[in-house]
C-alpha atoms as a PDB file:
ATOM      1  CA  MET A   1      -0.016  -0.014  -0.018  1.00  0.00           C
ATOM      2  CA  SER A   2       2.826   2.413   0.872  1.00  0.00           C
ATOM      3  CA  LYS A   3       4.381   1.890  -2.523  1.00  0.00           C
ATOM      4  CA  LEU A   4       1.045   2.579  -4.263  1.00  0.00           C
ATOM      5  CA  ARG A   5       0.657   5.860  -2.289  1.00  0.00           C
ATOM      6  CA  ALA A   6       4.211   6.886  -3.136  1.00  0.00           C
ATOM      7  CA  PHE A   7       3.399   6.130  -6.818  1.00  0.00           C
ATOM      8  CA  GLU A   8       0.215   8.195  -6.659  1.00  0.00           C
ATOM      9  CA  ARG A   9       2.059  11.093  -5.101  1.00  0.00           C
ATOM     10  CA  ALA A  10       4.647  10.947  -7.813  1.00  0.00           C
ATOM     11  CA  LEU A  11       1.992  11.038 -10.487  1.00  0.00           C
ATOM     12  CA  HIS A  12       0.586  14.233  -9.102  1.00  0.00           C
ATOM     13  CA  ALA A  13       3.941  15.908  -8.187  1.00  0.00           C
ATOM     14  CA  PRO A  14       5.136  18.803 -10.409  1.00  0.00           C
ATOM     15  CA  ALA A  15       7.434  17.497 -13.091  1.00  0.00           C
ATOM     16  CA  ILE A  16      11.108  18.160 -12.611  1.00  0.00           C
ATOM     17  CA  ALA A  17      12.959  19.026 -15.801  1.00  0.00           C
ATOM     18  CA  ALA A  18      15.796  16.657 -16.812  1.00  0.00           C
ATOM     19  CA  GLU A  19      18.336  19.444 -16.498  1.00  0.00           C
ATOM     20  CA  THR A  20      17.337  20.096 -12.913  1.00  0.00           C
ATOM     21  CA  VAL A  21      17.729  16.433 -12.108  1.00  0.00           C
ATOM     22  CA  LEU A  22      21.216  16.463 -13.756  1.00  0.00           C
ATOM     23  CA  ALA A  23      22.201  19.657 -11.926  1.00  0.00           C
ATOM     24  CA  ARG A  24      21.282  18.078  -8.569  1.00  0.00           C
ATOM     25  CA  LEU A  25      23.185  14.890  -9.401  1.00  0.00           C
ATOM     26  CA  LEU A  26      26.218  16.861 -10.405  1.00  0.00           C
ATOM     27  CA  SER A  27      26.093  19.264  -7.458  1.00  0.00           C
ATOM     28  CA  LYS A  28      28.365  17.131  -5.321  1.00  0.00           C
ATOM     29  CA  THR A  29      30.986  16.665  -8.050  1.00  0.00           C
ATOM     30  CA  SER A  30      33.635  18.693  -9.893  1.00  0.00           C
ATOM     31  CA  ARG A  31      31.144  19.203 -12.761  1.00  0.00           C
ATOM     32  CA  ALA A  32      28.683  21.029 -10.506  1.00  0.00           C
ATOM     33  CA  PRO A  33      26.815  23.965 -11.962  1.00  0.00           C
ATOM     34  CA  ARG A  34      28.095  27.415 -10.869  1.00  0.00           C
ATOM     35  CA  PHE A  35      25.194  27.827  -8.352  1.00  0.00           C
ATOM     36  CA  CYS A  36      23.757  24.877  -6.403  1.00  0.00           C
ATOM     37  CA  GLY A  37      21.337  24.618  -3.505  1.00  0.00           C
ATOM     38  CA  VAL A  38      19.120  26.976  -1.501  1.00  0.00           C
ATOM     39  CA  TYR A  39      19.869  27.506   2.129  1.00  0.00           C
ATOM     40  CA  ASN A  40      18.491  29.589   4.987  1.00  0.00           C
ATOM     41  CA  SER A  41      21.909  30.663   6.364  1.00  0.00           C
ATOM     42  CA  ARG A  42      25.523  30.844   5.641  1.00  0.00           C
ATOM     43  CA  LYS A  43      26.196  28.053   8.188  1.00  0.00           C
ATOM     44  CA  GLU A  44      23.623  25.820   6.508  1.00  0.00           C
ATOM     45  CA  ALA A  45      25.275  26.421   3.131  1.00  0.00           C
ATOM     46  CA  LEU A  46      28.756  25.645   4.445  1.00  0.00           C
ATOM     47  CA  ASP A  47      27.440  22.499   6.109  1.00  0.00           C
ATOM     48  CA  ALA A  48      26.299  21.381   2.672  1.00  0.00           C
ATOM     49  CA  VAL A  49      29.679  21.681   1.035  1.00  0.00           C
ATOM     50  CA  PRO A  50      30.706  18.245  -0.371  1.00  0.00           C
ATOM     51  CA  ARG A  51      33.637  16.329   1.070  1.00  0.00           C
ATOM     52  CA  GLY A  52      36.855  17.039  -0.658  1.00  0.00           C
ATOM     53  CA  ARG A  53      35.878  20.619  -1.556  1.00  0.00           C
ATOM     54  CA  LEU A  54      37.173  23.762   0.193  1.00  0.00           C
ATOM     55  CA  ALA A  55      34.524  25.823   1.940  1.00  0.00           C
ATOM     56  CA  GLY A  56      34.422  29.549   1.658  1.00  0.00           C
ATOM     57  CA  TYR A  57      36.590  32.199   0.000  1.00  0.00           C
ATOM     58  CA  ASP A  58      39.486  32.521   2.453  1.00  0.00           C
ATOM     59  CA  HIS A  59      41.904  30.102   0.792  1.00  0.00           C
ATOM     60  CA  ALA A  60      45.236  30.863  -0.941  1.00  0.00           C
ATOM     61  CA  GLU A  61      44.434  28.043  -3.431  1.00  0.00           C
ATOM     62  CA  ILE A  62      41.616  30.063  -4.994  1.00  0.00           C
ATOM     63  CA  ALA A  63      43.130  33.523  -4.580  1.00  0.00           C
ATOM     64  CA  GLN A  64      44.138  33.850  -8.258  1.00  0.00           C
ATOM     65  CA  VAL A  65      41.121  32.075  -9.795  1.00  0.00           C
ATOM     66  CA  SER A  66      39.927  34.286 -12.619  1.00  0.00           C
ATOM     67  CA  LEU A  67      42.353  37.081 -11.645  1.00  0.00           C
ATOM     68  CA  PRO A  68      42.987  38.207 -15.275  1.00  0.00           C
ATOM     69  CA  GLN A  69      39.311  38.336 -16.024  1.00  0.00           C
ATOM     70  CA  MET A  70      38.511  40.196 -12.869  1.00  0.00           C
ATOM     71  CA  SER A  71      41.120  42.783 -13.658  1.00  0.00           C
ATOM     72  CA  ARG A  72      39.386  43.773 -16.930  1.00  0.00           C
ATOM     73  CA  ARG A  73      36.763  46.408 -17.180  1.00  0.00           C
ATOM     74  CA  ARG A  74      33.235  45.213 -17.839  1.00  0.00           C
ATOM     75  CA  GLY A  75      29.887  46.925 -18.399  1.00  0.00           C
ATOM     76  CA  ALA A  76      29.083  46.586 -14.746  1.00  0.00           C
ATOM     77  CA  ASP A  77      32.075  48.654 -13.733  1.00  0.00           C
ATOM     78  CA  TYR A  78      31.061  51.857 -15.548  1.00  0.00           C
ATOM     79  CA  PRO A  79      28.621  53.227 -12.882  1.00  0.00           C
ATOM     80  CA  VAL A  80      31.344  52.774 -10.312  1.00  0.00           C
ATOM     81  CA  MET A  81      33.875  54.460 -12.487  1.00  0.00           C
ATOM     82  CA  TYR A  82      31.515  57.333 -13.135  1.00  0.00           C
ATOM     83  CA  TRP A  83      30.917  58.018  -9.406  1.00  0.00           C
ATOM     84  CA  LEU A  84      34.671  57.716  -8.691  1.00  0.00           C
ATOM     85  CA  SER A  85      35.415  60.181 -11.453  1.00  0.00           C
ATOM     86  CA  GLN A  86      33.067  62.675  -9.777  1.00  0.00           C
ATOM     87  CA  LEU A  87      34.122  62.145  -6.211  1.00  0.00           C
ATOM     88  CA  LEU A  88      37.841  62.111  -7.028  1.00  0.00           C
ATOM     89  CA  LYS A  89      37.664  65.657  -8.374  1.00  0.00           C
ATOM     90  CA  GLU A  90      38.591  66.483  -4.825  1.00  0.00           C
ATOM     91  CA  PRO A  91      41.667  64.565  -3.502  1.00  0.00           C
ATOM     92  CA  ARG A  92      40.304  61.633  -1.451  1.00  0.00           C
ATOM     93  CA  PRO A  93      41.616  58.183  -0.616  1.00  0.00           C
ATOM     94  CA  VAL A  94      39.792  55.058  -1.667  1.00  0.00           C
ATOM     95  CA  VAL A  95      39.029  52.037   0.521  1.00  0.00           C
ATOM     96  CA  ASP A  96      38.200  49.063  -1.697  1.00  0.00           C
ATOM     97  CA  VAL A  97      36.441  46.574   0.534  1.00  0.00           C
ATOM     98  CA  GLY A  98      36.332  43.028  -0.899  1.00  0.00           C
ATOM     99  CA  GLY A  99      38.704  44.409  -3.537  1.00  0.00           C
ATOM    100  CA  HIS A 100      40.543  41.065  -3.953  1.00  0.00           C
ATOM    101  CA  MET A 101      44.009  41.904  -5.399  1.00  0.00           C
ATOM    102  CA  GLY A 102      43.195  45.412  -6.379  1.00  0.00           C
ATOM    103  CA  THR A 103      41.296  44.298  -9.459  1.00  0.00           C
ATOM    104  CA  LYS A 104      39.254  47.484  -9.758  1.00  0.00           C
ATOM    105  CA  TYR A 105      42.388  49.577  -9.555  1.00  0.00           C
ATOM    106  CA  LEU A 106      43.848  47.460 -12.350  1.00  0.00           C
ATOM    107  CA  ALA A 107      40.712  47.641 -14.427  1.00  0.00           C
ATOM    108  CA  PHE A 108      40.188  51.347 -14.047  1.00  0.00           C
ATOM    109  CA  ARG A 109      43.698  52.828 -14.181  1.00  0.00           C
ATOM    110  CA  ASP A 110      43.905  53.313 -17.981  1.00  0.00           C
ATOM    111  CA  VAL A 111      40.737  55.431 -18.130  1.00  0.00           C
ATOM    112  CA  LEU A 112      40.573  56.882 -14.629  1.00  0.00           C
ATOM    113  CA  ASP A 113      43.613  58.697 -13.208  1.00  0.00           C
ATOM    114  CA  VAL A 114      44.267  56.795 -10.009  1.00  0.00           C
ATOM    115  CA  SER A 115      48.024  57.246 -10.028  1.00  0.00           C
ATOM    116  CA  ALA A 116      47.925  59.721  -7.137  1.00  0.00           C
ATOM    117  CA  VAL A 117      45.096  58.057  -5.266  1.00  0.00           C
ATOM    118  CA  ASP A 118      45.790  56.464  -1.865  1.00  0.00           C
ATOM    119  CA  TRP A 119      44.122  53.129  -2.624  1.00  0.00           C
ATOM    120  CA  THR A 120      43.655  50.579   0.173  1.00  0.00           C
ATOM    121  CA  VAL A 121      42.260  47.076  -0.480  1.00  0.00           C
ATOM    122  CA  VAL A 122      40.640  45.255   2.407  1.00  0.00           C
ATOM    123  CA  ASP A 123      39.876  41.559   2.010  1.00  0.00           C
ATOM    124  CA  LEU A 124      40.216  38.136   3.683  1.00  0.00           C
ATOM    125  CA  PRO A 125      43.659  37.162   5.185  1.00  0.00           C
ATOM    126  CA  GLN A 126      44.477  34.511   2.601  1.00  0.00           C
ATOM    127  CA  ILE A 127      43.539  36.695  -0.311  1.00  0.00           C
ATOM    128  CA  ILE A 128      45.655  39.596   1.092  1.00  0.00           C
ATOM    129  CA  GLY A 129      48.573  37.320   1.784  1.00  0.00           C
ATOM    130  CA  ALA A 130      48.536  36.060  -1.812  1.00  0.00           C
ATOM    131  CA  ALA A 131      48.232  39.694  -3.017  1.00  0.00           C
ATOM    132  CA  LYS A 132      51.210  40.814  -1.033  1.00  0.00           C
ATOM    133  CA  ASP A 133      53.222  37.907  -2.467  1.00  0.00           C
ATOM    134  CA  LEU A 134      52.380  39.058  -5.983  1.00  0.00           C
ATOM    135  CA  GLN A 135      53.171  42.635  -5.096  1.00  0.00           C
ATOM    136  CA  ARG A 136      56.620  41.686  -3.718  1.00  0.00           C
ATOM    137  CA  ASP A 137      57.316  39.798  -7.055  1.00  0.00           C
ATOM    138  CA  GLY A 138      56.363  42.969  -8.942  1.00  0.00           C
ATOM    139  CA  ALA A 139      53.141  41.496 -10.379  1.00  0.00           C
ATOM    140  CA  LEU A 140      50.890  44.099  -8.670  1.00  0.00           C
ATOM    141  CA  PRO A 141      51.504  47.844  -8.408  1.00  0.00           C
ATOM    142  CA  ALA A 142      53.516  49.089  -5.405  1.00  0.00           C
ATOM    143  CA  ALA A 143      51.014  51.904  -4.968  1.00  0.00           C
ATOM    144  CA  LEU A 144      48.311  49.511  -3.704  1.00  0.00           C
ATOM    145  CA  ARG A 145      48.013  48.990   0.038  1.00  0.00           C
ATOM    146  CA  PHE A 146      46.654  45.701   1.278  1.00  0.00           C
ATOM    147  CA  GLN A 147      45.209  44.797   4.652  1.00  0.00           C
ATOM    148  CA  SER A 148      42.874  42.215   6.193  1.00  0.00           C
ATOM    149  CA  ASP A 149      41.314  44.443   8.883  1.00  0.00           C
ATOM    150  CA  TYR A 150      39.606  47.799   9.249  1.00  0.00           C
ATOM    151  CA  ASP A 151      42.315  49.345  11.487  1.00  0.00           C
ATOM    152  CA  ASP A 152      43.951  52.586  10.599  1.00  0.00           C
ATOM    153  CA  LEU A 153      42.058  53.172   7.364  1.00  0.00           C
ATOM    154  CA  PRO A 154      42.587  56.651   5.794  1.00  0.00           C
ATOM    155  CA  GLU A 155      40.166  59.317   6.937  1.00  0.00           C
ATOM    156  CA  GLY A 156      37.633  60.784   4.523  1.00  0.00           C
ATOM    157  CA  ALA A 157      37.861  57.810   2.123  1.00  0.00           C
ATOM    158  CA  ILE A 158      35.478  56.961  -0.569  1.00  0.00           C
ATOM    159  CA  VAL A 159      34.392  53.323   0.132  1.00  0.00           C
ATOM    160  CA  VAL A 160      34.030  50.980  -2.803  1.00  0.00           C
ATOM    161  CA  ALA A 161      32.336  47.633  -2.238  1.00  0.00           C
ATOM    162  CA  SER A 162      32.082  46.082  -5.605  1.00  0.00           C
ATOM    163  CA  GLY A 163      31.363  42.322  -5.490  1.00  0.00           C
ATOM    164  CA  LEU A 164      31.413  42.154  -1.698  1.00  0.00           C
ATOM    165  CA  PHE A 165      27.872  41.820  -0.435  1.00  0.00           C
ATOM    166  CA  GLN A 166      27.058  38.508  -2.194  1.00  0.00           C
ATOM    167  CA  TYR A 167      29.676  36.970   0.044  1.00  0.00           C
ATOM    168  CA  PHE A 168      28.924  39.036   3.186  1.00  0.00           C
ATOM    169  CA  ASP A 169      26.835  37.387   5.797  1.00  0.00           C
ATOM    170  CA  GLY A 170      25.418  40.420   7.598  1.00  0.00           C
ATOM    171  CA  ASN A 171      23.351  43.403   6.503  1.00  0.00           C
ATOM    172  CA  PHE A 172      24.385  46.956   5.578  1.00  0.00           C
ATOM    173  CA  ALA A 173      24.435  48.081   9.228  1.00  0.00           C
ATOM    174  CA  ASP A 174      26.786  45.186  10.061  1.00  0.00           C
ATOM    175  CA  PHE A 175      29.079  46.289   7.301  1.00  0.00           C
ATOM    176  CA  LEU A 176      29.098  49.886   8.619  1.00  0.00           C
ATOM    177  CA  ALA A 177      29.885  48.662  12.139  1.00  0.00           C
ATOM    178  CA  GLN A 178      33.363  47.721  11.006  1.00  0.00           C
ATOM    179  CA  PHE A 179      34.385  51.330  10.467  1.00  0.00           C
ATOM    180  CA  THR A 180      35.429  53.681  13.191  1.00  0.00           C
ATOM    181  CA  ASN A 181      33.528  56.550  11.487  1.00  0.00           C
ATOM    182  CA  LYS A 182      30.784  56.333   8.859  1.00  0.00           C
ATOM    183  CA  PRO A 183      32.211  56.990   5.358  1.00  0.00           C
ATOM    184  CA  LYS A 184      30.495  59.905   3.668  1.00  0.00           C
ATOM    185  CA  HIS A 185      30.476  58.217   0.282  1.00  0.00           C
ATOM    186  CA  ILE A 186      29.932  54.525  -0.448  1.00  0.00           C
ATOM    187  CA  VAL A 187      29.632  52.900  -3.862  1.00  0.00           C
ATOM    188  CA  VAL A 188      28.306  49.339  -3.790  1.00  0.00           C
ATOM    189  CA  ASN A 189      28.023  47.186  -6.786  1.00  0.00           C
ATOM    190  CA  LYS A 190      26.927  43.606  -7.747  1.00  0.00           C
ATOM    191  CA  VAL A 191      24.618  43.229  -4.758  1.00  0.00           C
ATOM    192  CA  ALA A 192      22.612  40.071  -5.476  1.00  0.00           C
ATOM    193  CA  THR A 193      18.897  40.665  -4.712  1.00  0.00           C
ATOM    194  CA  THR A 194      15.461  39.110  -4.999  1.00  0.00           C
ATOM    195  CA  ALA A 195      11.891  40.174  -4.411  1.00  0.00           C
ATOM    196  CA  ASP A 196      11.389  36.944  -2.484  1.00  0.00           C
ATOM    197  CA  THR A 197      12.807  35.755   0.901  1.00  0.00           C
ATOM    198  CA  SER A 198      16.604  36.204   1.294  1.00  0.00           C
ATOM    199  CA  PHE A 199      18.651  32.969   0.902  1.00  0.00           C
ATOM    200  CA  PHE A 200      22.073  31.567   0.320  1.00  0.00           C
ATOM    201  CA  SER A 201      23.291  29.363  -2.458  1.00  0.00           C
ATOM    202  CA  LEU A 202      26.751  27.762  -3.048  1.00  0.00           C
ATOM    203  CA  GLU A 203      28.898  29.212  -5.830  1.00  0.00           C
ATOM    204  CA  LYS A 204      31.658  27.060  -7.362  1.00  0.00           C
ATOM    205  CA  ILE A 205      34.915  28.998  -7.460  1.00  0.00           C
ATOM    206  CA  GLY A 206      37.822  26.766  -8.409  1.00  0.00           C
ATOM    207  CA  ASN A 207      37.896  23.823  -5.940  1.00  0.00           C
ATOM    208  CA  SER A 208      35.865  25.774  -3.317  1.00  0.00           C
ATOM    209  CA  ARG A 209      32.225  26.177  -2.706  1.00  0.00           C
ATOM    210  CA  VAL A 210      31.390  29.689  -1.504  1.00  0.00           C
ATOM    211  CA  PRO A 211      28.137  30.785   0.303  1.00  0.00           C
ATOM    212  CA  TYR A 212      26.439  33.282  -2.028  1.00  0.00           C
ATOM    213  CA  HIS A 213      23.966  35.648  -0.368  1.00  0.00           C
ATOM    214  CA  ILE A 214      20.867  36.722  -2.378  1.00  0.00           C
ATOM    215  CA  ARG A 215      19.055  39.420  -0.412  1.00  0.00           C
ATOM    216  CA  ASN A 216      15.494  40.627  -0.274  1.00  0.00           C
ATOM    217  CA  ILE A 217      15.638  44.037  -1.864  1.00  0.00           C
ATOM    218  CA  ALA A 218      13.025  45.627   0.289  1.00  0.00           C
ATOM    219  CA  GLU A 219      14.903  44.513   3.481  1.00  0.00           C
ATOM    220  CA  TRP A 220      18.245  45.712   2.068  1.00  0.00           C
ATOM    221  CA  LYS A 221      16.877  49.196   1.366  1.00  0.00           C
ATOM    222  CA  ALA A 222      15.030  49.356   4.717  1.00  0.00           C
ATOM    223  CA  VAL A 223      18.267  48.810   6.613  1.00  0.00           C
ATOM    224  CA  ILE A 224      19.978  51.451   4.545  1.00  0.00           C
ATOM    225  CA  SER A 225      17.278  53.948   5.461  1.00  0.00           C
ATOM    226  CA  THR A 226      18.033  53.457   9.179  1.00  0.00           C
ATOM    227  CA  THR A 227      21.720  54.107   8.906  1.00  0.00           C
ATOM    228  CA  GLY A 228      21.594  57.748   7.816  1.00  0.00           C
ATOM    229  CA  TYR A 229      22.414  57.175   4.059  1.00  0.00           C
ATOM    230  CA  GLU A 230      20.384  58.209   1.071  1.00  0.00           C
ATOM    231  CA  ILE A 231      20.461  56.228  -2.170  1.00  0.00           C
ATOM    232  CA  ALA A 232      21.633  59.016  -4.504  1.00  0.00           C
ATOM    233  CA  ASP A 233      21.829  56.675  -7.527  1.00  0.00           C
ATOM    234  CA  GLU A 234      20.821  53.103  -8.339  1.00  0.00           C
ATOM    235  CA  TRP A 235      21.321  50.708 -11.262  1.00  0.00           C
ATOM    236  CA  THR A 236      20.784  47.120 -12.248  1.00  0.00           C
ATOM    237  CA  ILE A 237      23.215  44.741 -13.989  1.00  0.00           C
ATOM    238  CA  PRO A 238      21.261  42.433 -16.206  1.00  0.00           C
ATOM    239  CA  GLU A 239      24.314  40.305 -17.203  1.00  0.00           C
ATOM    240  CA  LEU A 240      24.910  39.336 -13.593  1.00  0.00           C
ATOM    241  CA  SER A 241      21.451  37.903 -13.055  1.00  0.00           C
ATOM    242  CA  HIS A 242      21.845  34.285 -11.878  1.00  0.00           C
ATOM    243  CA  ARG A 243      19.486  31.306 -11.768  1.00  0.00           C
ATOM    244  CA  ILE A 244      20.056  28.497  -9.316  1.00  0.00           C
ATOM    245  CA  ALA A 245      20.340  25.423 -11.518  1.00  0.00           C
ATOM    246  CA  THR A 246      19.136  23.017  -8.840  1.00  0.00           C
ATOM    247  CA  HIS A 247      16.120  25.146  -8.027  1.00  0.00           C
ATOM    248  CA  PRO A 248      14.762  26.584 -11.286  1.00  0.00           C
ATOM    249  CA  ARG A 249      11.475  27.652  -9.804  1.00  0.00           C
ATOM    250  CA  ILE A 250      13.176  30.349  -7.813  1.00  0.00           C
ATOM    251  CA  SER A 251      13.282  33.622  -9.750  1.00  0.00           C
ATOM    252  CA  PRO A 252      16.684  34.730 -11.174  1.00  0.00           C
ATOM    253  CA  SER A 253      18.567  37.168  -8.895  1.00  0.00           C
ATOM    254  CA  VAL A 254      18.789  40.813  -9.791  1.00  0.00           C
ATOM    255  CA  SER A 255      22.258  42.379  -9.445  1.00  0.00           C
ATOM    256  CA  ARG A 256      22.256  46.008  -8.273  1.00  0.00           C
ATOM    257  CA  GLY A 257      24.593  48.859  -7.600  1.00  0.00           C
ATOM    258  CA  MET A 258      24.080  52.073  -5.601  1.00  0.00           C
ATOM    259  CA  TYR A 259      25.829  55.288  -4.697  1.00  0.00           C
ATOM    260  CA  LEU A 260      25.050  55.888  -1.023  1.00  0.00           C
ATOM    261  CA  LYS A 261      25.654  59.402   0.435  1.00  0.00           C
ATOM    262  CA  LEU A 262      25.638  60.089   4.180  1.00  0.00           C
ATOM    263  CA  SER A 263      22.965  62.595   4.993  1.00  0.00           C
ATOM    264  CA  ASN A 264      23.964  65.736   6.755  1.00  0.00           C
END
């Protein structure tokens, strides 16, 4: 009787496309789709990382994955470049949070004069360690400053966070709490959002599986409104919309950028 009931349930269950079944079968292998799984928290996502795979981004082994591609300008970069071009009309330092190995500095320097800009990159310890090694070998500009904490950051800096928040566990207020003083100008980019409930997926980066945070856009903006910032500009990045291969019924993410200005 139990087999019959199971068969009846299967007959009435929504059909799952063959590509979804394949994505789920491959999710534990080296041939996994770029995005797999839907999880309620970062911890839940990390607990789902398959055996034999690195978990998270803080690994020297994946520090240089896609470095050449990340160091090139893309369409998604132009709003960030525009606001930097406006804000750097007055001499200001730049703090590039989640800036990897200074990839935005490398991507922008031939069209935006950053030669005299005090540019500090803040990222995870293993990424920063690998960046400093490359810098010592002459592969990265000596002008870049690298650090893995928020201590002794230059005052009055423009904060750039391009490609940070999809890997950041907390909300915008948690991000601000890391600074001694609130930055007056913040340019965020590539924030993965949804109109539905916030969730995490796992992104395949080299041999690692990295929790990828897709945020409810209304909640994201609501938190910003409580922190004293106004959204002075906003844009979307259609080419960075992602679908979770293992869960095709979830709407594709919407990637967004914003220029945030501290209200007087």
